[in-house]
Amino acid sequence: MVEAKMTQLRYQPEKTAVGTAYFYEESNIDGSHMSTIVQYVASEDAFEAFKWTEGEPEATLVTARMDWNRFSIRELRTWKVRKDGERARVAALDQAEGSNQVVIAANLRSQEIGQTVEIDNYPWHSYDFDFASLNVTLPHYVDPLASFSFGTADFVWKAQAPSFQFKGMITVDFVAEEDRHGARCHRYNIDGPGLEHRGGTMWIDKTARHIVDYEIDLPDEPGYESGKLRLVRTEHMKNKAWHEFMQSKIA
């Protein structure tokens, strides 16, 4: 069994890009079914992801906090946000310090979900969350060329009934250094049971160590045929400007 190695990670506060917004296009690998996602680093241990489609009356906001002892999410909230600022909570995830149990409470497609899931491999990340916690973890890997592994946990849909599960491990192997979308990158193969052996390729900025692109055969949510996340630009903004930006994007 592949296990994640925490010894490959060392928390370095100066490498947490507080105030940085990463603008991504999410789609199938062929570019269809495109939407925009912005991942924003709100503080040293908090980050957010905002997803919207032009002209829609509501958007999705995910807020999360990291446990830097495990380089994993310890708290997550998913909200539906409207133009007037009203928020409706869709899902919540909590993991107490020192516990391997993740507590889930959610309302997905009119189905109430309450679960406690055991996670024994750290770090772990969510593919459904566009690997946002991996994105803020990447700068803290000591050797960027060394292979590394992590666990993944996500909602799994069977017969339209969702349940949160630890899906397994994912391994990331360095392949080459090359240019991608105007950035000098390290290219990696990414695959494993956590991606149902339907992995692909990930490009990570050589210097800043954030995700520039990935193309993965397995889709991250229902309605997609595959998974692609392409960085369009980065922007620095203060918290107030970030909230104003989000409200401006909802019709």
C-alpha atoms as a PDB file:
ATOM      1  CA  MET A   1       0.000   0.000   0.000  1.00  0.00           C
ATOM      2  CA  VAL A   2       1.255   3.478  -0.907  1.00  0.00           C
ATOM      3  CA  GLU A   3       1.488   5.791   2.091  1.00  0.00           C
ATOM      4  CA  ALA A   4       1.904   9.543   2.254  1.00  0.00           C
ATOM      5  CA  LYS A   5       5.171  10.714   3.779  1.00  0.00           C
ATOM      6  CA  MET A   6       4.803  13.674   6.106  1.00  0.00           C
ATOM      7  CA  THR A   7       8.611  13.889   6.286  1.00  0.00           C
ATOM      8  CA  GLN A   8       8.556  15.333   2.757  1.00  0.00           C
ATOM      9  CA  LEU A   9       6.731  18.401   4.072  1.00  0.00           C
ATOM     10  CA  ARG A  10       7.934  21.293   6.199  1.00  0.00           C
ATOM     11  CA  TYR A  11       5.635  24.212   6.981  1.00  0.00           C
ATOM     12  CA  GLN A  12       7.224  27.485   5.868  1.00  0.00           C
ATOM     13  CA  PRO A  13       4.911  30.445   6.665  1.00  0.00           C
ATOM     14  CA  GLU A  14       6.691  32.768   4.255  1.00  0.00           C
ATOM     15  CA  LYS A  15       5.632  30.487   1.386  1.00  0.00           C
ATOM     16  CA  THR A  16       1.916  30.892   2.096  1.00  0.00           C
ATOM     17  CA  ALA A  17       0.794  33.424  -0.525  1.00  0.00           C
ATOM     18  CA  VAL A  18      -1.702  35.382   1.613  1.00  0.00           C
ATOM     19  CA  GLY A  19      -3.818  37.762  -0.473  1.00  0.00           C
ATOM     20  CA  THR A  20      -3.258  35.908  -3.742  1.00  0.00           C
ATOM     21  CA  ALA A  21      -6.210  35.014  -5.967  1.00  0.00           C
ATOM     22  CA  TYR A  22      -5.712  32.256  -8.540  1.00  0.00           C
ATOM     23  CA  PHE A  23      -8.104  32.543 -11.491  1.00  0.00           C
ATOM     24  CA  TYR A  24      -8.809  29.172 -13.098  1.00  0.00           C
ATOM     25  CA  GLU A  25     -10.962  27.871 -15.929  1.00  0.00           C
ATOM     26  CA  GLU A  26     -12.539  24.503 -15.093  1.00  0.00           C
ATOM     27  CA  SER A  27     -13.793  22.283 -17.906  1.00  0.00           C
ATOM     28  CA  ASN A  28     -13.642  18.919 -19.571  1.00  0.00           C
ATOM     29  CA  ILE A  29     -10.259  18.235 -21.159  1.00  0.00           C
ATOM     30  CA  ASP A  30     -11.681  19.253 -24.559  1.00  0.00           C
ATOM     31  CA  GLY A  31     -12.629  22.679 -23.148  1.00  0.00           C
ATOM     32  CA  SER A  32     -16.379  22.078 -22.986  1.00  0.00           C
ATOM     33  CA  HIS A  33     -18.598  22.732 -19.940  1.00  0.00           C
ATOM     34  CA  MET A  34     -16.386  25.638 -18.858  1.00  0.00           C
ATOM     35  CA  SER A  35     -16.810  27.717 -15.712  1.00  0.00           C
ATOM     36  CA  THR A  36     -14.561  30.031 -13.719  1.00  0.00           C
ATOM     37  CA  ILE A  37     -13.118  29.267 -10.297  1.00  0.00           C
ATOM     38  CA  VAL A  38     -11.015  31.581  -8.169  1.00  0.00           C
ATOM     39  CA  GLN A  39      -9.012  30.218  -5.241  1.00  0.00           C
ATOM     40  CA  TYR A  40      -8.131  32.919  -2.700  1.00  0.00           C
ATOM     41  CA  VAL A  41      -5.623  32.642   0.160  1.00  0.00           C
ATOM     42  CA  ALA A  42      -7.346  34.633   2.914  1.00  0.00           C
ATOM     43  CA  SER A  43      -4.798  34.116   5.721  1.00  0.00           C
ATOM     44  CA  GLU A  44      -1.984  31.782   6.741  1.00  0.00           C
ATOM     45  CA  ASP A  45      -4.434  28.969   7.486  1.00  0.00           C
ATOM     46  CA  ALA A  46      -7.601  29.949   5.592  1.00  0.00           C
ATOM     47  CA  PHE A  47      -8.473  29.880   1.915  1.00  0.00           C
ATOM     48  CA  GLU A  48     -11.606  30.095  -0.200  1.00  0.00           C
ATOM     49  CA  ALA A  49     -12.833  28.998  -3.610  1.00  0.00           C
ATOM     50  CA  PHE A  50     -15.499  30.868  -5.568  1.00  0.00           C
ATOM     51  CA  LYS A  51     -17.213  29.350  -8.608  1.00  0.00           C
ATOM     52  CA  TRP A  52     -19.701  31.112 -10.827  1.00  0.00           C
ATOM     53  CA  THR A  53     -21.223  31.067 -14.298  1.00  0.00           C
ATOM     54  CA  GLU A  54     -21.924  34.379 -16.022  1.00  0.00           C
ATOM     55  CA  GLY A  55     -25.593  35.370 -15.805  1.00  0.00           C
ATOM     56  CA  GLU A  56     -26.503  32.945 -13.018  1.00  0.00           C
ATOM     57  CA  PRO A  57     -28.328  34.344  -9.924  1.00  0.00           C
ATOM     58  CA  GLU A  58     -26.228  32.386  -7.421  1.00  0.00           C
ATOM     59  CA  ALA A  59     -22.672  31.128  -7.074  1.00  0.00           C
ATOM     60  CA  THR A  60     -20.806  28.585  -4.950  1.00  0.00           C
ATOM     61  CA  LEU A  61     -18.373  29.599  -2.213  1.00  0.00           C
ATOM     62  CA  VAL A  62     -16.214  27.144  -0.291  1.00  0.00           C
ATOM     63  CA  THR A  63     -14.343  28.324   2.805  1.00  0.00           C
ATOM     64  CA  ALA A  64     -11.696  26.157   4.436  1.00  0.00           C
ATOM     65  CA  ARG A  65      -9.074  26.116   7.169  1.00  0.00           C
ATOM     66  CA  MET A  66      -5.868  24.094   7.139  1.00  0.00           C
ATOM     67  CA  ASP A  67      -4.269  21.949   9.811  1.00  0.00           C
ATOM     68  CA  TRP A  68      -0.601  22.585   9.089  1.00  0.00           C
ATOM     69  CA  ASN A  69       0.425  19.721  11.363  1.00  0.00           C
ATOM     70  CA  ARG A  70      -1.173  17.378   8.820  1.00  0.00           C
ATOM     71  CA  PHE A  71      -1.162  19.634   5.735  1.00  0.00           C
ATOM     72  CA  SER A  72      -4.852  18.812   5.369  1.00  0.00           C
ATOM     73  CA  ILE A  73      -8.221  20.528   5.712  1.00  0.00           C
ATOM     74  CA  ARG A  74      -9.582  20.674   9.262  1.00  0.00           C
ATOM     75  CA  GLU A  75     -12.722  22.709   8.550  1.00  0.00           C
ATOM     76  CA  LEU A  76     -14.724  23.268   5.379  1.00  0.00           C
ATOM     77  CA  ARG A  77     -18.010  24.993   4.557  1.00  0.00           C
ATOM     78  CA  THR A  78     -19.818  25.084   1.215  1.00  0.00           C
ATOM     79  CA  TRP A  79     -22.326  27.865   0.566  1.00  0.00           C
ATOM     80  CA  LYS A  80     -24.703  28.990  -2.157  1.00  0.00           C
ATOM     81  CA  VAL A  81     -24.388  32.785  -2.393  1.00  0.00           C
ATOM     82  CA  ARG A  82     -26.910  35.196  -3.916  1.00  0.00           C
ATOM     83  CA  LYS A  83     -26.524  38.769  -5.179  1.00  0.00           C
ATOM     84  CA  ASP A  84     -27.973  40.261  -1.976  1.00  0.00           C
ATOM     85  CA  GLY A  85     -25.265  38.509   0.029  1.00  0.00           C
ATOM     86  CA  GLU A  86     -27.579  35.848   1.449  1.00  0.00           C
ATOM     87  CA  ARG A  87     -25.810  32.538   2.054  1.00  0.00           C
ATOM     88  CA  ALA A  88     -27.308  29.067   2.339  1.00  0.00           C
ATOM     89  CA  ARG A  89     -25.007  26.412   3.767  1.00  0.00           C
ATOM     90  CA  VAL A  90     -24.854  23.243   1.679  1.00  0.00           C
ATOM     91  CA  ALA A  91     -22.168  21.201   3.432  1.00  0.00           C
ATOM     92  CA  ALA A  92     -19.868  21.249   6.456  1.00  0.00           C
ATOM     93  CA  LEU A  93     -16.780  19.194   7.269  1.00  0.00           C
ATOM     94  CA  ASP A  94     -14.949  19.232  10.593  1.00  0.00           C
ATOM     95  CA  GLN A  95     -11.976  17.337  11.950  1.00  0.00           C
ATOM     96  CA  ALA A  96     -10.877  17.845  15.546  1.00  0.00           C
ATOM     97  CA  GLU A  97      -7.167  18.247  16.255  1.00  0.00           C
ATOM     98  CA  GLY A  98      -5.536  14.871  16.803  1.00  0.00           C
ATOM     99  CA  SER A  99      -8.588  12.948  15.595  1.00  0.00           C
ATOM    100  CA  ASN A 100      -8.739  10.769  12.481  1.00  0.00           C
ATOM    101  CA  GLN A 101     -12.501  11.198  12.250  1.00  0.00           C
ATOM    102  CA  VAL A 102     -14.021  13.640   9.774  1.00  0.00           C
ATOM    103  CA  VAL A 103     -17.599  14.687  10.561  1.00  0.00           C
ATOM    104  CA  ILE A 104     -19.789  15.543   7.560  1.00  0.00           C
ATOM    105  CA  ALA A 105     -23.159  17.319   7.502  1.00  0.00           C
ATOM    106  CA  ALA A 106     -24.651  18.170   4.118  1.00  0.00           C
ATOM    107  CA  ASN A 107     -27.805  18.688   2.096  1.00  0.00           C
ATOM    108  CA  LEU A 108     -27.118  17.596  -1.476  1.00  0.00           C
ATOM    109  CA  ARG A 109     -29.899  17.368  -4.059  1.00  0.00           C
ATOM    110  CA  SER A 110     -32.497  17.429  -1.269  1.00  0.00           C
ATOM    111  CA  GLN A 111     -30.795  14.578   0.570  1.00  0.00           C
ATOM    112  CA  GLU A 112     -29.669  15.080   4.154  1.00  0.00           C
ATOM    113  CA  ILE A 113     -26.290  13.506   4.883  1.00  0.00           C
ATOM    114  CA  GLY A 114     -24.702  12.978   8.282  1.00  0.00           C
ATOM    115  CA  GLN A 115     -21.539  10.889   8.402  1.00  0.00           C
ATOM    116  CA  THR A 116     -18.368  10.241  10.339  1.00  0.00           C
ATOM    117  CA  VAL A 117     -15.502   8.988   8.173  1.00  0.00           C
ATOM    118  CA  GLU A 118     -12.149   7.623   9.333  1.00  0.00           C
ATOM    119  CA  ILE A 119      -9.074   8.972   7.527  1.00  0.00           C
ATOM    120  CA  ASP A 120      -5.752   7.327   8.345  1.00  0.00           C
ATOM    121  CA  ASN A 121      -3.469   8.751   5.624  1.00  0.00           C
ATOM    122  CA  TYR A 122      -2.146  12.317   5.705  1.00  0.00           C
ATOM    123  CA  PRO A 123      -2.070  14.636   3.994  1.00  0.00           C
ATOM    124  CA  TRP A 124      -5.402  14.174   2.262  1.00  0.00           C
ATOM    125  CA  HIS A 125      -7.057  16.448  -0.297  1.00  0.00           C
ATOM    126  CA  SER A 126     -10.363  16.720  -2.157  1.00  0.00           C
ATOM    127  CA  TYR A 127     -10.463  16.422  -5.950  1.00  0.00           C
ATOM    128  CA  ASP A 128     -14.040  17.745  -5.916  1.00  0.00           C
ATOM    129  CA  PHE A 129     -12.563  20.874  -4.287  1.00  0.00           C
ATOM    130  CA  ASP A 130     -10.259  21.210  -7.327  1.00  0.00           C
ATOM    131  CA  PHE A 131      -7.265  20.176  -5.220  1.00  0.00           C
ATOM    132  CA  ALA A 132      -7.358  23.624  -3.568  1.00  0.00           C
ATOM    133  CA  SER A 133      -5.763  22.352  -0.346  1.00  0.00           C
ATOM    134  CA  LEU A 134      -3.050  20.630  -2.405  1.00  0.00           C
ATOM    135  CA  ASN A 135      -2.452  23.965  -4.127  1.00  0.00           C
ATOM    136  CA  VAL A 136      -1.644  25.727  -0.838  1.00  0.00           C
ATOM    137  CA  THR A 137       0.391  22.713   0.341  1.00  0.00           C
ATOM    138  CA  LEU A 138       2.672  22.399  -2.702  1.00  0.00           C
ATOM    139  CA  PRO A 139       5.129  25.185  -1.705  1.00  0.00           C
ATOM    140  CA  HIS A 140       5.895  23.309   1.519  1.00  0.00           C
ATOM    141  CA  TYR A 141       7.312  20.185  -0.130  1.00  0.00           C
ATOM    142  CA  VAL A 142      11.049  20.103   0.585  1.00  0.00           C
ATOM    143  CA  ASP A 143      12.079  18.451  -2.704  1.00  0.00           C
ATOM    144  CA  PRO A 144       9.860  19.427  -5.662  1.00  0.00           C
ATOM    145  CA  LEU A 145      11.349  16.713  -7.877  1.00  0.00           C
ATOM    146  CA  ALA A 146      10.664  13.828  -5.497  1.00  0.00           C
ATOM    147  CA  SER A 147       7.603  11.639  -6.013  1.00  0.00           C
ATOM    148  CA  PHE A 148       4.934  12.168  -3.366  1.00  0.00           C
ATOM    149  CA  SER A 149       1.587  10.667  -2.413  1.00  0.00           C
ATOM    150  CA  PHE A 150      -1.548  11.834  -0.636  1.00  0.00           C
ATOM    151  CA  GLY A 151      -4.971  10.488   0.202  1.00  0.00           C
ATOM    152  CA  THR A 152      -8.187  11.760  -1.304  1.00  0.00           C
ATOM    153  CA  ALA A 153     -11.696  11.888   0.149  1.00  0.00           C
ATOM    154  CA  ASP A 154     -14.805  13.081  -1.666  1.00  0.00           C
ATOM    155  CA  PHE A 155     -18.517  12.612  -2.109  1.00  0.00           C
ATOM    156  CA  VAL A 156     -19.220   9.481  -4.137  1.00  0.00           C
ATOM    157  CA  TRP A 157     -22.491   9.223  -6.073  1.00  0.00           C
ATOM    158  CA  LYS A 158     -24.077   5.789  -6.327  1.00  0.00           C
ATOM    159  CA  ALA A 159     -27.649   5.470  -7.601  1.00  0.00           C
ATOM    160  CA  GLN A 160     -27.896   9.257  -7.090  1.00  0.00           C
ATOM    161  CA  ALA A 161     -27.279   8.787  -3.357  1.00  0.00           C
ATOM    162  CA  PRO A 162     -24.145  10.659  -2.217  1.00  0.00           C
ATOM    163  CA  SER A 163     -21.840   9.523   0.566  1.00  0.00           C
ATOM    164  CA  PHE A 164     -18.493  10.929   1.705  1.00  0.00           C
ATOM    165  CA  GLN A 165     -15.682   8.383   1.405  1.00  0.00           C
ATOM    166  CA  PHE A 166     -11.932   8.043   1.663  1.00  0.00           C
ATOM    167  CA  LYS A 167     -11.226   6.951  -1.916  1.00  0.00           C
ATOM    168  CA  GLY A 168      -7.575   5.960  -1.668  1.00  0.00           C
ATOM    169  CA  MET A 169      -4.103   7.211  -2.463  1.00  0.00           C
ATOM    170  CA  ILE A 170      -2.832   9.321  -5.343  1.00  0.00           C
ATOM    171  CA  THR A 171       0.823   9.342  -6.414  1.00  0.00           C
ATOM    172  CA  VAL A 172       2.501  12.268  -8.184  1.00  0.00           C
ATOM    173  CA  ASP A 173       5.693  11.546 -10.175  1.00  0.00           C
ATOM    174  CA  PHE A 174       7.980  14.164 -11.738  1.00  0.00           C
ATOM    175  CA  VAL A 175       8.439  13.739 -15.502  1.00  0.00           C
ATOM    176  CA  ALA A 176      10.068  16.828 -17.013  1.00  0.00           C
ATOM    177  CA  GLU A 177      10.573  20.585 -16.914  1.00  0.00           C
ATOM    178  CA  GLU A 178       8.760  22.505 -19.650  1.00  0.00           C
ATOM    179  CA  ASP A 179       6.771  25.635 -20.488  1.00  0.00           C
ATOM    180  CA  ARG A 180       2.991  25.569 -20.031  1.00  0.00           C
ATOM    181  CA  HIS A 181       0.707  28.541 -20.724  1.00  0.00           C
ATOM    182  CA  GLY A 182       3.651  30.940 -20.524  1.00  0.00           C
ATOM    183  CA  ALA A 183       5.016  29.625 -17.215  1.00  0.00           C
ATOM    184  CA  ARG A 184       8.090  27.483 -16.547  1.00  0.00           C
ATOM    185  CA  CYS A 185       6.672  24.337 -14.997  1.00  0.00           C
ATOM    186  CA  HIS A 186       7.417  20.922 -13.620  1.00  0.00           C
ATOM    187  CA  ARG A 187       5.250  18.306 -15.309  1.00  0.00           C
ATOM    188  CA  TYR A 188       4.050  15.327 -13.283  1.00  0.00           C
ATOM    189  CA  ASN A 189       2.065  12.169 -13.839  1.00  0.00           C
ATOM    190  CA  ILE A 190      -0.788  11.904 -11.317  1.00  0.00           C
ATOM    191  CA  ASP A 191      -2.722   8.670 -10.754  1.00  0.00           C
ATOM    192  CA  GLY A 192      -3.735   5.987  -8.279  1.00  0.00           C
ATOM    193  CA  PRO A 193      -6.753   4.373  -6.593  1.00  0.00           C
ATOM    194  CA  GLY A 194      -7.887   7.807  -5.379  1.00  0.00           C
ATOM    195  CA  LEU A 195      -8.472   8.698  -9.038  1.00  0.00           C
ATOM    196  CA  GLU A 196      -9.857   5.234  -9.834  1.00  0.00           C
ATOM    197  CA  HIS A 197      -6.712   4.707 -11.962  1.00  0.00           C
ATOM    198  CA  ARG A 198      -8.049   7.327 -14.376  1.00  0.00           C
ATOM    199  CA  GLY A 199      -5.363   9.930 -13.765  1.00  0.00           C
ATOM    200  CA  GLY A 200      -3.429  12.205 -16.068  1.00  0.00           C
ATOM    201  CA  THR A 201      -0.982  15.099 -16.021  1.00  0.00           C
ATOM    202  CA  MET A 202      -0.393  18.052 -13.705  1.00  0.00           C
ATOM    203  CA  TRP A 203       1.783  21.099 -14.346  1.00  0.00           C
ATOM    204  CA  ILE A 204       3.116  23.032 -11.332  1.00  0.00           C
ATOM    205  CA  ASP A 205       4.854  26.409 -11.519  1.00  0.00           C
ATOM    206  CA  LYS A 206       8.573  25.737 -11.030  1.00  0.00           C
ATOM    207  CA  THR A 207       9.199  28.770  -8.806  1.00  0.00           C
ATOM    208  CA  ALA A 208       5.916  29.685  -7.099  1.00  0.00           C
ATOM    209  CA  ARG A 209       4.753  26.051  -6.743  1.00  0.00           C
ATOM    210  CA  HIS A 210       1.073  26.478  -7.591  1.00  0.00           C
ATOM    211  CA  ILE A 211      -1.009  24.481 -10.069  1.00  0.00           C
ATOM    212  CA  VAL A 212      -0.824  25.880 -13.609  1.00  0.00           C
ATOM    213  CA  ASP A 213      -2.866  23.144 -15.282  1.00  0.00           C
ATOM    214  CA  TYR A 214      -4.080  19.607 -14.898  1.00  0.00           C
ATOM    215  CA  GLU A 215      -5.791  17.188 -17.260  1.00  0.00           C
ATOM    216  CA  ILE A 216      -7.301  14.139 -15.550  1.00  0.00           C
ATOM    217  CA  ASP A 217      -9.416  11.459 -17.205  1.00  0.00           C
ATOM    218  CA  LEU A 218     -11.678  11.073 -14.142  1.00  0.00           C
ATOM    219  CA  PRO A 219     -14.227  13.915 -13.757  1.00  0.00           C
ATOM    220  CA  ASP A 220     -14.380  15.549 -10.334  1.00  0.00           C
ATOM    221  CA  GLU A 221     -18.176  15.810 -10.184  1.00  0.00           C
ATOM    222  CA  PRO A 222     -21.349  14.625 -11.960  1.00  0.00           C
ATOM    223  CA  GLY A 223     -22.019  16.315 -15.288  1.00  0.00           C
ATOM    224  CA  TYR A 224     -18.397  16.284 -16.456  1.00  0.00           C
ATOM    225  CA  GLU A 225     -16.646  13.739 -18.681  1.00  0.00           C
ATOM    226  CA  SER A 226     -13.106  14.506 -17.472  1.00  0.00           C
ATOM    227  CA  GLY A 227     -11.260  17.101 -15.393  1.00  0.00           C
ATOM    228  CA  LYS A 228      -9.218  20.116 -16.472  1.00  0.00           C
ATOM    229  CA  LEU A 229      -8.153  23.149 -14.443  1.00  0.00           C
ATOM    230  CA  ARG A 230      -6.154  25.845 -16.246  1.00  0.00           C
ATOM    231  CA  LEU A 231      -4.640  28.898 -14.548  1.00  0.00           C
ATOM    232  CA  VAL A 232      -5.552  32.105 -16.382  1.00  0.00           C
ATOM    233  CA  ARG A 233      -3.884  34.641 -14.084  1.00  0.00           C
ATOM    234  CA  THR A 234      -3.040  35.500 -10.484  1.00  0.00           C
ATOM    235  CA  GLU A 235      -3.975  38.722  -8.720  1.00  0.00           C
ATOM    236  CA  HIS A 236      -3.252  40.183  -5.298  1.00  0.00           C
ATOM    237  CA  MET A 237      -6.197  41.670  -3.414  1.00  0.00           C
ATOM    238  CA  LYS A 238      -7.131  42.505   0.144  1.00  0.00           C
ATOM    239  CA  ASN A 239      -9.997  40.731   1.876  1.00  0.00           C
ATOM    240  CA  LYS A 240     -12.460  43.597   1.319  1.00  0.00           C
ATOM    241  CA  ALA A 241     -11.697  43.687  -2.414  1.00  0.00           C
ATOM    242  CA  TRP A 242     -12.105  39.919  -2.576  1.00  0.00           C
ATOM    243  CA  HIS A 243     -15.632  40.080  -1.134  1.00  0.00           C
ATOM    244  CA  GLU A 244     -16.563  42.957  -3.448  1.00  0.00           C
ATOM    245  CA  PHE A 245     -15.260  40.965  -6.401  1.00  0.00           C
ATOM    246  CA  MET A 246     -17.416  37.950  -5.521  1.00  0.00           C
ATOM    247  CA  GLN A 247     -20.595  40.018  -5.202  1.00  0.00           C
ATOM    248  CA  SER A 248     -19.907  41.694  -8.553  1.00  0.00           C
ATOM    249  CA  LYS A 249     -19.932  38.340 -10.352  1.00  0.00           C
ATOM    250  CA  ILE A 250     -23.435  37.277  -9.307  1.00  0.00           C
ATOM    251  CA  ALA A 251     -26.226  38.422 -11.654  1.00  0.00           C
END
